[in-house]
Amino acid sequence: MEQQIARYFELKQLLKQAEEEVDRLKAELLAAYEAPGTYVNDEYKLMISVQERRDYDDNRLYNALPDKDVWRLLSKADTTKITGLVKLSILNEHILDGTYEVRHIPQIRISKK
């Protein structure tokens, strides 16, 4: 059992180091290739895209809701729940204007040619 514990600890350390290196490489790639698009070299294809994420403010969202009973469905500003309520037509997009900040998150995908 001691060997499994030691191996588990070792692998967790390696995983942490690998994640740190991936983060560093991602930052370097994003610095070198700032614009979204596809970049191809001899062996690899790099695709950079931007994902929009909304960060809702609880207070602004609560004040914007036409029916305060809807807040019971949310209980806090959960993006997934809000999206679901918009799709069900319980909430309207124009009501949500001004209740969130939009973040642009760059995404990287690399594949072999």
C-alpha atoms as a PDB file:
ATOM      1  CA  MET A   1       0.000   0.000   0.000  1.00  0.00           C
ATOM      2  CA  GLU A   2       2.925   2.336   0.663  1.00  0.00           C
ATOM      3  CA  GLN A   3       4.020   2.038  -2.978  1.00  0.00           C
ATOM      4  CA  GLN A   4       0.557   3.051  -4.241  1.00  0.00           C
ATOM      5  CA  ILE A   5       0.508   6.063  -1.923  1.00  0.00           C
ATOM      6  CA  ALA A   6       3.984   7.127  -3.018  1.00  0.00           C
ATOM      7  CA  ARG A   7       3.138   6.593  -6.709  1.00  0.00           C
ATOM      8  CA  TYR A   8      -0.118   8.532  -6.355  1.00  0.00           C
ATOM      9  CA  PHE A   9       1.728  11.443  -4.754  1.00  0.00           C
ATOM     10  CA  GLU A  10       4.382  11.349  -7.485  1.00  0.00           C
ATOM     11  CA  LEU A  11       1.770  11.359 -10.250  1.00  0.00           C
ATOM     12  CA  LYS A  12      -0.119  14.249  -8.662  1.00  0.00           C
ATOM     13  CA  GLN A  13       3.130  16.246  -8.596  1.00  0.00           C
ATOM     14  CA  LEU A  14       3.786  15.414 -12.260  1.00  0.00           C
ATOM     15  CA  LEU A  15       0.236  16.396 -13.160  1.00  0.00           C
ATOM     16  CA  LYS A  16       0.634  19.739 -11.417  1.00  0.00           C
ATOM     17  CA  GLN A  17       3.913  20.391 -13.261  1.00  0.00           C
ATOM     18  CA  ALA A  18       2.337  19.432 -16.597  1.00  0.00           C
ATOM     19  CA  GLU A  19      -0.642  21.762 -15.998  1.00  0.00           C
ATOM     20  CA  GLU A  20       1.702  24.635 -15.140  1.00  0.00           C
ATOM     21  CA  GLU A  21       3.695  24.023 -18.332  1.00  0.00           C
ATOM     22  CA  VAL A  22       0.508  23.844 -20.418  1.00  0.00           C
ATOM     23  CA  ASP A  23      -0.639  27.177 -18.939  1.00  0.00           C
ATOM     24  CA  ARG A  24       2.733  28.758 -19.699  1.00  0.00           C
ATOM     25  CA  LEU A  25       2.742  27.444 -23.277  1.00  0.00           C
ATOM     26  CA  LYS A  26      -0.830  28.606 -23.811  1.00  0.00           C
ATOM     27  CA  ALA A  27       0.122  32.117 -22.693  1.00  0.00           C
ATOM     28  CA  GLU A  28       3.128  32.109 -25.037  1.00  0.00           C
ATOM     29  CA  LEU A  29       1.015  30.907 -27.980  1.00  0.00           C
ATOM     30  CA  LEU A  30      -1.644  33.528 -27.322  1.00  0.00           C
ATOM     31  CA  ALA A  31       1.033  36.209 -27.146  1.00  0.00           C
ATOM     32  CA  ALA A  32       2.522  35.067 -30.458  1.00  0.00           C
ATOM     33  CA  TYR A  33      -0.817  34.548 -32.245  1.00  0.00           C
ATOM     34  CA  GLU A  34      -3.101  37.256 -30.909  1.00  0.00           C
ATOM     35  CA  ALA A  35      -5.944  37.106 -33.428  1.00  0.00           C
ATOM     36  CA  PRO A  36      -8.432  34.252 -33.566  1.00  0.00           C
ATOM     37  CA  GLY A  37      -7.901  32.017 -36.564  1.00  0.00           C
ATOM     38  CA  THR A  38      -6.158  28.940 -37.851  1.00  0.00           C
ATOM     39  CA  TYR A  39      -2.398  28.701 -38.110  1.00  0.00           C
ATOM     40  CA  VAL A  40      -0.738  25.768 -39.868  1.00  0.00           C
ATOM     41  CA  ASN A  41       2.861  24.621 -39.921  1.00  0.00           C
ATOM     42  CA  ASP A  42       4.466  21.427 -41.244  1.00  0.00           C
ATOM     43  CA  GLU A  43       3.051  19.081 -38.603  1.00  0.00           C
ATOM     44  CA  TYR A  44       0.400  20.886 -36.576  1.00  0.00           C
ATOM     45  CA  LYS A  45      -2.703  22.985 -36.962  1.00  0.00           C
ATOM     46  CA  LEU A  46      -3.336  25.602 -34.255  1.00  0.00           C
ATOM     47  CA  MET A  47      -6.855  26.966 -33.950  1.00  0.00           C
ATOM     48  CA  ILE A  48      -7.555  29.936 -31.712  1.00  0.00           C
ATOM     49  CA  SER A  49     -11.128  30.962 -31.002  1.00  0.00           C
ATOM     50  CA  VAL A  50     -12.765  33.250 -28.488  1.00  0.00           C
ATOM     51  CA  GLN A  51     -15.570  32.149 -26.201  1.00  0.00           C
ATOM     52  CA  GLU A  52     -17.904  34.690 -24.598  1.00  0.00           C
ATOM     53  CA  ARG A  53     -18.816  34.170 -20.969  1.00  0.00           C
ATOM     54  CA  ARG A  54     -21.278  36.215 -18.996  1.00  0.00           C
ATOM     55  CA  ASP A  55     -20.638  37.018 -15.351  1.00  0.00           C
ATOM     56  CA  TYR A  56     -23.958  38.038 -13.825  1.00  0.00           C
ATOM     57  CA  ASP A  57     -24.232  40.378 -10.860  1.00  0.00           C
ATOM     58  CA  ASP A  58     -26.738  39.038  -8.296  1.00  0.00           C
ATOM     59  CA  ASN A  59     -28.065  42.461  -7.264  1.00  0.00           C
ATOM     60  CA  ARG A  60     -28.462  43.847 -10.782  1.00  0.00           C
ATOM     61  CA  LEU A  61     -30.107  40.622 -11.922  1.00  0.00           C
ATOM     62  CA  TYR A  62     -32.544  40.595  -8.990  1.00  0.00           C
ATOM     63  CA  ASN A  63     -33.523  44.221  -9.655  1.00  0.00           C
ATOM     64  CA  ALA A  64     -34.006  43.543 -13.372  1.00  0.00           C
ATOM     65  CA  LEU A  65     -36.392  40.624 -12.904  1.00  0.00           C
ATOM     66  CA  PRO A  66     -40.001  41.577 -13.617  1.00  0.00           C
ATOM     67  CA  ASP A  67     -41.348  38.914 -11.247  1.00  0.00           C
ATOM     68  CA  LYS A  68     -39.392  38.423  -8.031  1.00  0.00           C
ATOM     69  CA  ASP A  69     -40.725  34.849  -7.815  1.00  0.00           C
ATOM     70  CA  VAL A  70     -38.399  34.009 -10.702  1.00  0.00           C
ATOM     71  CA  TRP A  71     -35.513  34.672  -8.312  1.00  0.00           C
ATOM     72  CA  ARG A  72     -36.577  31.559  -6.395  1.00  0.00           C
ATOM     73  CA  LEU A  73     -35.815  29.528  -9.512  1.00  0.00           C
ATOM     74  CA  LEU A  74     -32.341  31.040  -9.661  1.00  0.00           C
ATOM     75  CA  SER A  75     -31.392  31.691  -6.008  1.00  0.00           C
ATOM     76  CA  LYS A  76     -28.157  33.147  -7.368  1.00  0.00           C
ATOM     77  CA  ALA A  77     -26.818  34.281 -10.725  1.00  0.00           C
ATOM     78  CA  ASP A  78     -26.127  30.898 -12.317  1.00  0.00           C
ATOM     79  CA  THR A  79     -25.376  31.248 -16.028  1.00  0.00           C
ATOM     80  CA  THR A  80     -26.707  27.781 -16.876  1.00  0.00           C
ATOM     81  CA  LYS A  81     -30.022  28.368 -15.113  1.00  0.00           C
ATOM     82  CA  ILE A  82     -30.398  31.811 -16.678  1.00  0.00           C
ATOM     83  CA  THR A  83     -29.764  30.402 -20.158  1.00  0.00           C
ATOM     84  CA  GLY A  84     -32.359  27.702 -19.507  1.00  0.00           C
ATOM     85  CA  LEU A  85     -34.959  30.265 -18.409  1.00  0.00           C
ATOM     86  CA  VAL A  86     -34.297  32.327 -21.541  1.00  0.00           C
ATOM     87  CA  LYS A  87     -34.744  29.240 -23.747  1.00  0.00           C
ATOM     88  CA  LEU A  88     -38.022  28.447 -21.950  1.00  0.00           C
ATOM     89  CA  SER A  89     -39.145  32.061 -22.563  1.00  0.00           C
ATOM     90  CA  ILE A  90     -39.516  32.699 -18.830  1.00  0.00           C
ATOM     91  CA  LEU A  91     -36.897  35.445 -19.110  1.00  0.00           C
ATOM     92  CA  ASN A  92     -36.270  37.733 -22.041  1.00  0.00           C
ATOM     93  CA  GLU A  93     -32.756  38.704 -23.228  1.00  0.00           C
ATOM     94  CA  HIS A  94     -33.490  42.441 -23.183  1.00  0.00           C
ATOM     95  CA  ILE A  95     -34.383  42.233 -19.472  1.00  0.00           C
ATOM     96  CA  LEU A  96     -30.897  40.885 -18.781  1.00  0.00           C
ATOM     97  CA  ASP A  97     -29.096  43.798 -20.471  1.00  0.00           C
ATOM     98  CA  GLY A  98     -26.841  45.520 -17.945  1.00  0.00           C
ATOM     99  CA  THR A  99     -26.920  42.659 -15.450  1.00  0.00           C
ATOM    100  CA  TYR A 100     -23.727  41.000 -16.610  1.00  0.00           C
ATOM    101  CA  GLU A 101     -20.160  41.589 -17.711  1.00  0.00           C
ATOM    102  CA  VAL A 102     -18.910  39.812 -20.813  1.00  0.00           C
ATOM    103  CA  ARG A 103     -15.529  38.106 -20.658  1.00  0.00           C
ATOM    104  CA  HIS A 104     -13.741  36.894 -23.778  1.00  0.00           C
ATOM    105  CA  ILE A 105     -11.887  33.658 -23.083  1.00  0.00           C
ATOM    106  CA  PRO A 106      -9.386  32.524 -25.722  1.00  0.00           C
ATOM    107  CA  GLN A 107      -9.534  28.816 -26.535  1.00  0.00           C
ATOM    108  CA  ILE A 108      -6.695  26.855 -28.128  1.00  0.00           C
ATOM    109  CA  ARG A 109      -6.946  23.600 -30.046  1.00  0.00           C
ATOM    110  CA  ILE A 110      -3.950  21.899 -31.567  1.00  0.00           C
ATOM    111  CA  SER A 111      -4.166  18.907 -33.854  1.00  0.00           C
ATOM    112  CA  LYS A 112      -1.724  16.959 -35.963  1.00  0.00           C
ATOM    113  CA  LYS A 113      -2.076  17.314 -39.692  1.00  0.00           C
END
